[in-house]
C-alpha atoms as a PDB file:
ATOM      1  CA  MET A   1      12.294 -20.558  12.323  1.00  0.00           C
ATOM      2  CA  HIS A   2      11.769 -24.054  12.856  1.00  0.00           C
ATOM      3  CA  LEU A   3      14.716 -26.296  11.806  1.00  0.00           C
ATOM      4  CA  ILE A   4      13.818 -29.653  11.018  1.00  0.00           C
ATOM      5  CA  LYS A   5      16.013 -32.550  10.695  1.00  0.00           C
ATOM      6  CA  LYS A   6      15.472 -35.431   8.289  1.00  0.00           C
ATOM      7  CA  TYR A   7      16.951 -38.341   9.625  1.00  0.00           C
ATOM      8  CA  ALA A   8      17.973 -41.726   7.043  1.00  0.00           C
ATOM      9  CA  ASN A   9      14.730 -43.455   8.565  1.00  0.00           C
ATOM     10  CA  ARG A  10      12.933 -40.423   6.551  1.00  0.00           C
ATOM     11  CA  LYS A  11      11.671 -39.264   9.758  1.00  0.00           C
ATOM     12  CA  LEU A  12      11.671 -35.562  10.333  1.00  0.00           C
ATOM     13  CA  TYR A  13      12.134 -33.852  13.737  1.00  0.00           C
ATOM     14  CA  ASP A  14      11.185 -30.090  14.391  1.00  0.00           C
ATOM     15  CA  THR A  15      13.943 -29.177  16.649  1.00  0.00           C
ATOM     16  CA  THR A  16      12.024 -26.077  17.790  1.00  0.00           C
ATOM     17  CA  GLU A  17       9.050 -27.929  18.937  1.00  0.00           C
ATOM     18  CA  LYS A  18      11.407 -30.703  19.762  1.00  0.00           C
ATOM     19  CA  ARG A  19       9.127 -33.560  18.381  1.00  0.00           C
ATOM     20  CA  TYR A  20       8.825 -35.311  15.280  1.00  0.00           C
ATOM     21  CA  ILE A  21       6.613 -33.914  12.628  1.00  0.00           C
ATOM     22  CA  THR A  22       4.682 -35.672   9.851  1.00  0.00           C
ATOM     23  CA  MET A  23       4.904 -34.410   6.348  1.00  0.00           C
ATOM     24  CA  ASP A  24       0.907 -33.092   6.732  1.00  0.00           C
ATOM     25  CA  GLY A  25       2.164 -31.415   9.870  1.00  0.00           C
ATOM     26  CA  LEU A  26       5.012 -29.728   8.110  1.00  0.00           C
ATOM     27  CA  ALA A  27       2.472 -28.448   5.278  1.00  0.00           C
ATOM     28  CA  ALA A  28       0.292 -27.036   7.867  1.00  0.00           C
ATOM     29  CA  LEU A  29       3.148 -25.138   9.609  1.00  0.00           C
ATOM     30  CA  ILE A  30       4.350 -23.760   6.155  1.00  0.00           C
ATOM     31  CA  LYS A  31       0.897 -22.931   5.209  1.00  0.00           C
ATOM     32  CA  ALA A  32       0.328 -21.047   8.677  1.00  0.00           C
ATOM     33  CA  GLY A  33       3.076 -18.663   7.500  1.00  0.00           C
ATOM     34  CA  GLN A  34       6.085 -20.122   9.589  1.00  0.00           C
ATOM     35  CA  GLU A  35       9.495 -20.136   8.240  1.00  0.00           C
ATOM     36  CA  VAL A  36      11.381 -23.762   8.163  1.00  0.00           C
ATOM     37  CA  ARG A  37      14.696 -24.870   7.037  1.00  0.00           C
ATOM     38  CA  ILE A  38      15.074 -28.638   6.575  1.00  0.00           C
ATOM     39  CA  ILE A  39      18.355 -30.363   6.930  1.00  0.00           C
ATOM     40  CA  ASP A  40      19.817 -33.958   6.445  1.00  0.00           C
ATOM     41  CA  ASN A  41      20.457 -34.919  10.142  1.00  0.00           C
ATOM     42  CA  GLU A  42      23.919 -36.412   9.268  1.00  0.00           C
ATOM     43  CA  THR A  43      25.250 -34.084   6.337  1.00  0.00           C
ATOM     44  CA  GLU A  44      23.499 -31.115   7.308  1.00  0.00           C
ATOM     45  CA  GLU A  45      22.704 -30.562   3.407  1.00  0.00           C
ATOM     46  CA  ASP A  46      19.772 -28.444   3.167  1.00  0.00           C
ATOM     47  CA  LEU A  47      16.971 -29.988   1.970  1.00  0.00           C
ATOM     48  CA  THR A  48      14.317 -27.629   2.255  1.00  0.00           C
ATOM     49  CA  ALA A  49      13.602 -27.180  -1.569  1.00  0.00           C
ATOM     50  CA  GLN A  50      13.532 -31.017  -1.983  1.00  0.00           C
ATOM     51  CA  ILE A  51      10.798 -31.477   0.773  1.00  0.00           C
ATOM     52  CA  VAL A  52       8.714 -28.452  -0.311  1.00  0.00           C
ATOM     53  CA  SER A  53       8.649 -29.879  -3.689  1.00  0.00           C
ATOM     54  CA  GLN A  54       7.477 -33.310  -2.523  1.00  0.00           C
ATOM     55  CA  LEU A  55       4.934 -31.537  -0.383  1.00  0.00           C
ATOM     56  CA  LEU A  56       3.636 -29.609  -3.457  1.00  0.00           C
ATOM     57  CA  ALA A  57       3.417 -32.819  -5.544  1.00  0.00           C
ATOM     58  CA  ARG A  58       1.307 -34.676  -2.766  1.00  0.00           C
ATOM     59  CA  GLU A  59      -0.922 -31.663  -2.492  1.00  0.00           C
ATOM     60  CA  LYS A  60      -4.357 -32.497  -3.956  1.00  0.00           C
ATOM     61  CA  SER A  61      -6.392 -29.852  -4.828  1.00  0.00           C
ATOM     62  CA  ALA A  62      -9.037 -28.390  -7.347  1.00  0.00           C
ATOM     63  CA  ASP A  63      -6.383 -27.079  -9.559  1.00  0.00           C
ATOM     64  CA  ALA A  64      -4.445 -30.041  -9.950  1.00  0.00           C
ATOM     65  CA  ASN A  65      -5.094 -29.784 -13.681  1.00  0.00           C
ATOM     66  CA  ALA A  66      -4.483 -25.988 -13.823  1.00  0.00           C
ATOM     67  CA  LEU A  67      -1.399 -26.865 -16.066  1.00  0.00           C
ATOM     68  CA  PRO A  68      -2.196 -28.138 -19.416  1.00  0.00           C
ATOM     69  CA  SER A  69      -0.214 -31.546 -19.902  1.00  0.00           C
ATOM     70  CA  SER A  70       1.490 -30.050 -23.010  1.00  0.00           C
ATOM     71  CA  VAL A  71       3.402 -27.689 -20.783  1.00  0.00           C
ATOM     72  CA  LEU A  72       4.017 -30.194 -18.430  1.00  0.00           C
ATOM     73  CA  MET A  73       5.405 -32.587 -21.108  1.00  0.00           C
ATOM     74  CA  GLN A  74       7.385 -29.645 -22.449  1.00  0.00           C
ATOM     75  CA  MET A  75       8.825 -28.965 -18.837  1.00  0.00           C
ATOM     76  CA  LEU A  76       9.933 -32.574 -18.769  1.00  0.00           C
ATOM     77  CA  ARG A  77      11.605 -32.643 -21.998  1.00  0.00           C
ATOM     78  CA  LYS A  78      13.430 -29.352 -21.180  1.00  0.00           C
ATOM     79  CA  GLY A  79      14.696 -30.234 -17.895  1.00  0.00           C
ATOM     80  CA  ARG A  80      15.701 -28.754 -14.725  1.00  0.00           C
ATOM     81  CA  GLY A  81      15.043 -25.068 -14.212  1.00  0.00           C
ATOM     82  CA  THR A  82      12.260 -25.094 -16.785  1.00  0.00           C
ATOM     83  CA  LEU A  83       9.832 -24.501 -14.383  1.00  0.00           C
ATOM     84  CA  PHE A  84      11.786 -21.242 -12.971  1.00  0.00           C
ATOM     85  CA  GLY A  85      12.052 -20.252 -16.677  1.00  0.00           C
ATOM     86  CA  TYR A  86       8.491 -20.385 -17.098  1.00  0.00           C
ATOM     87  CA  GLY A  87       7.708 -18.961 -13.803  1.00  0.00           C
ATOM     88  CA  LYS A  88      10.081 -15.952 -14.403  1.00  0.00           C
ATOM     89  CA  LYS A  89       8.592 -15.499 -18.139  1.00  0.00           C
ATOM     90  CA  TYR A  90       5.086 -15.523 -16.873  1.00  0.00           C
ATOM     91  CA  VAL A  91       5.740 -13.398 -13.767  1.00  0.00           C
ATOM     92  CA  SER A  92       7.341 -11.021 -16.195  1.00  0.00           C
ATOM     93  CA  LEU A  93       4.329 -11.262 -18.665  1.00  0.00           C
ATOM     94  CA  TRP A  94       1.972 -10.507 -15.703  1.00  0.00           C
ATOM     95  CA  GLN A  95       3.679  -7.555 -14.517  1.00  0.00           C
ATOM     96  CA  SER A  96       4.215  -5.985 -17.857  1.00  0.00           C
ATOM     97  CA  ALA A  97       0.576  -6.750 -18.827  1.00  0.00           C
ATOM     98  CA  LEU A  98      -0.264  -3.855 -16.229  1.00  0.00           C
ATOM     99  CA  LEU A  99       1.784  -1.344 -18.573  1.00  0.00           C
ATOM    100  CA  MET A 100       1.285  -2.658 -21.858  1.00  0.00           C
ATOM    101  CA  SER A 101      -1.113  -2.300 -24.529  1.00  0.00           C
ATOM    102  CA  ARG A 102      -3.066  -4.876 -26.217  1.00  0.00           C
ATOM    103  CA  GLU A 103      -0.955  -4.515 -29.225  1.00  0.00           C
ATOM    104  CA  GLU A 104       2.052  -5.219 -27.237  1.00  0.00           C
ATOM    105  CA  LEU A 105       0.523  -7.972 -25.373  1.00  0.00           C
ATOM    106  CA  ASP A 106      -0.346  -9.583 -28.751  1.00  0.00           C
ATOM    107  CA  ARG A 107       3.244  -9.179 -30.349  1.00  0.00           C
ATOM    108  CA  LEU A 108       4.502 -10.580 -27.146  1.00  0.00           C
ATOM    109  CA  ILE A 109       2.339 -13.825 -26.728  1.00  0.00           C
ATOM    110  CA  ASN A 110       2.510 -14.237 -30.459  1.00  0.00           C
ATOM    111  CA  GLY A 111       6.195 -14.581 -30.169  1.00  0.00           C
ATOM    112  CA  LEU A 112       6.058 -17.159 -27.443  1.00  0.00           C
ATOM    113  CA  VAL A 113       3.722 -18.976 -29.792  1.00  0.00           C
ATOM    114  CA  ARG A 114       6.291 -18.625 -32.735  1.00  0.00           C
ATOM    115  CA  GLU A 115       9.140 -20.034 -30.365  1.00  0.00           C
ATOM    116  CA  LYS A 116       6.890 -22.892 -29.556  1.00  0.00           C
ATOM    117  CA  GLU A 117       7.182 -21.929 -25.999  1.00  0.00           C
ATOM    118  CA  ILE A 118       3.259 -22.191 -25.761  1.00  0.00           C
ATOM    119  CA  SER A 119       0.514 -23.530 -27.991  1.00  0.00           C
ATOM    120  CA  GLU A 120      -1.660 -21.244 -30.082  1.00  0.00           C
ATOM    121  CA  SER A 121      -4.863 -22.048 -27.551  1.00  0.00           C
ATOM    122  CA  GLU A 122      -2.633 -21.312 -24.625  1.00  0.00           C
ATOM    123  CA  GLY A 123      -1.732 -18.166 -26.088  1.00  0.00           C
ATOM    124  CA  THR A 124      -5.382 -17.079 -26.561  1.00  0.00           C
ATOM    125  CA  THR A 125      -6.062 -18.119 -22.951  1.00  0.00           C
ATOM    126  CA  LEU A 126      -3.103 -16.621 -21.664  1.00  0.00           C
ATOM    127  CA  LYS A 127      -4.051 -13.277 -23.451  1.00  0.00           C
ATOM    128  CA  ASN A 128      -7.573 -13.433 -22.432  1.00  0.00           C
ATOM    129  CA  GLU A 129      -6.994 -13.973 -19.037  1.00  0.00           C
ATOM    130  CA  MET A 130      -4.084 -11.253 -18.656  1.00  0.00           C
ATOM    131  CA  VAL A 131      -6.254  -8.646 -20.315  1.00  0.00           C
ATOM    132  CA  GLY A 132      -9.211  -9.587 -18.022  1.00  0.00           C
ATOM    133  CA  TYR A 133      -7.044  -9.557 -14.996  1.00  0.00           C
ATOM    134  CA  SER A 134      -5.072  -6.452 -15.816  1.00  0.00           C
ATOM    135  CA  THR A 135      -8.580  -4.511 -16.658  1.00  0.00           C
ATOM    136  CA  GLY A 136      -9.996  -5.561 -13.165  1.00  0.00           C
ATOM    137  CA  LEU A 137      -6.885  -4.855 -11.166  1.00  0.00           C
ATOM    138  CA  ARG A 138      -6.313  -1.418 -12.933  1.00  0.00           C
ATOM    139  CA  LYS A 139      -9.743  -0.870 -11.825  1.00  0.00           C
ATOM    140  CA  TRP A 140      -9.342  -2.353  -8.184  1.00  0.00           C
ATOM    141  CA  MET A 141      -6.425  -0.068  -8.094  1.00  0.00           C
ATOM    142  CA  LYS A 142      -8.046   2.946  -8.893  1.00  0.00           C
ATOM    143  CA  ASP A 143     -10.738   2.473  -6.762  1.00  0.00           C
ATOM    144  CA  ASN A 144      -8.733   1.603  -3.697  1.00  0.00           C
ATOM    145  CA  ILE A 145      -6.114   4.230  -4.490  1.00  0.00           C
ATOM    146  CA  ASP A 146      -8.832   6.921  -4.298  1.00  0.00           C
ATOM    147  CA  GLN A 147     -10.638   5.628  -1.557  1.00  0.00           C
ATOM    148  CA  ARG A 148      -7.232   5.386   0.499  1.00  0.00           C
ATOM    149  CA  VAL A 149      -6.135   8.734  -0.633  1.00  0.00           C
ATOM    150  CA  ASN A 150      -9.555  10.133   0.507  1.00  0.00           C
ATOM    151  CA  GLU A 151      -9.293   8.379   3.832  1.00  0.00           C
ATOM    152  CA  GLY A 152      -5.683   9.696   4.317  1.00  0.00           C
ATOM    153  CA  LEU A 153      -6.739  13.161   3.449  1.00  0.00           C
ATOM    154  CA  SER A 154      -9.654  13.120   5.923  1.00  0.00           C
ATOM    155  CA  MET A 155      -7.165  11.830   8.472  1.00  0.00           C
ATOM    156  CA  MET A 156      -4.966  14.902   7.752  1.00  0.00           C
ATOM    157  CA  ASN A 157      -8.007  17.170   7.379  1.00  0.00           C
ATOM    158  CA  LEU A 158      -7.253  18.198   4.248  1.00  0.00           C
ATOM    159  CA  ALA A 159      -9.565  18.526   1.218  1.00  0.00           C
ATOM    160  CA  SER A 160     -10.174  15.830  -1.133  1.00  0.00           C
ATOM    161  CA  GLN A 161     -10.181  16.687  -5.202  1.00  0.00           C
ATOM    162  CA  ASP A 162     -14.119  16.439  -5.027  1.00  0.00           C
ATOM    163  CA  GLN A 163     -13.793  19.124  -2.304  1.00  0.00           C
ATOM    164  CA  VAL A 164     -11.341  21.458  -3.702  1.00  0.00           C
ATOM    165  CA  ALA A 165     -13.447  21.503  -7.201  1.00  0.00           C
ATOM    166  CA  THR A 166     -16.576  22.312  -5.183  1.00  0.00           C
ATOM    167  CA  LEU A 167     -14.896  25.190  -3.311  1.00  0.00           C
ATOM    168  CA  THR A 168     -13.443  26.461  -6.404  1.00  0.00           C
ATOM    169  CA  GLU A 169     -17.014  26.388  -8.103  1.00  0.00           C
ATOM    170  CA  LYS A 170     -18.145  28.356  -4.733  1.00  0.00           C
ATOM    171  CA  VAL A 171     -15.270  30.889  -4.907  1.00  0.00           C
ATOM    172  CA  ASP A 172     -15.711  31.436  -8.593  1.00  0.00           C
ATOM    173  CA  SER A 173     -19.519  31.876  -7.796  1.00  0.00           C
ATOM    174  CA  LEU A 174     -18.678  34.493  -5.169  1.00  0.00           C
ATOM    175  CA  TYR A 175     -16.105  36.023  -7.431  1.00  0.00           C
ATOM    176  CA  GLY A 176     -18.999  36.609 -10.064  1.00  0.00           C
ATOM    177  CA  LYS A 177     -21.448  38.298  -7.478  1.00  0.00           C
ATOM    178  CA  VAL A 178     -18.606  40.694  -6.143  1.00  0.00           C
ATOM    179  CA  ARG A 179     -17.903  41.817  -9.686  1.00  0.00           C
ATOM    180  CA  GLU A 180     -21.728  42.010 -10.163  1.00  0.00           C
ATOM    181  CA  ILE A 181     -21.946  44.053  -6.659  1.00  0.00           C
ATOM    182  CA  GLU A 182     -18.842  46.359  -8.018  1.00  0.00           C
ATOM    183  CA  ALA A 183     -20.424  47.179 -11.242  1.00  0.00           C
ATOM    184  CA  LEU A 184     -23.849  48.220  -9.306  1.00  0.00           C
ATOM    185  CA  LEU A 185     -21.769  50.452  -6.986  1.00  0.00           C
ATOM    186  CA  ARG A 186     -19.848  52.073  -9.765  1.00  0.00           C
ATOM    187  CA  GLN A 187     -23.320  52.302 -11.714  1.00  0.00           C
ATOM    188  CA  THR A 188     -25.038  53.765  -8.541  1.00  0.00           C
ATOM    189  CA  LYS A 189     -21.953  56.450  -8.010  1.00  0.00           C
ATOM    190  CA  SER A 190     -22.130  57.468 -11.650  1.00  0.00           C
ATOM    191  CA  ASN A 191     -26.100  58.102 -11.179  1.00  0.00           C
ATOM    192  CA  THR A 192     -25.344  59.897  -7.839  1.00  0.00           C
ATOM    193  CA  LYS A 193     -22.618  62.114  -9.605  1.00  0.00           C
ATOM    194  CA  ASP A 194     -25.044  62.780 -12.708  1.00  0.00           C
ATOM    195  CA  SER A 195     -28.032  63.528 -10.472  1.00  0.00           C
ATOM    196  CA  SER A 196     -25.731  65.737  -7.840  1.00  0.00           C
ATOM    197  CA  GLY A 197     -24.277  67.484 -10.905  1.00  0.00           C
ATOM    198  CA  LYS A 198     -27.764  68.324 -12.276  1.00  0.00           C
ATOM    199  CA  SER A 199     -29.005  70.454  -9.389  1.00  0.00           C
END
């Protein structure tokens, strides 16, 4: 973990690398997957969330307009914790979308619209995204889980479901042939007894 100290002159010092680091350098460090903790040099107050928020605000990407302005204004009006609240609601919605039917999803999103948490157009967009995402995710999960199970079975040298079905068909076919042969043998014995009894 990189311990970063913020000085009164706003400079950041990486105590792990023993050098000053820019905000861009800090962003690159975080994007590279490094854990960081940022503290005030004098008070040792944890400033990690504050600095990372600044990094996010500075980030210029194609998704800069991903949130509708109405949602941003609502967040500003409702104050601190709103982003976290929205985040929890949307994560919960996405997780639930995988398990719920379309009717349940409609009811949930309509409730958000009624409570004026989101607008009607945002509700429609959200519902379409969730249905599309959950359908795609279900298909991806099914394909990948089936593939991983088959890979695991082949590594364990166990039969897959398809192989078991094929084997079952062959056993059933062999069983039918054995029954036919047994019937022919009984008939042959019967014919042999009949012909030996006549002489």
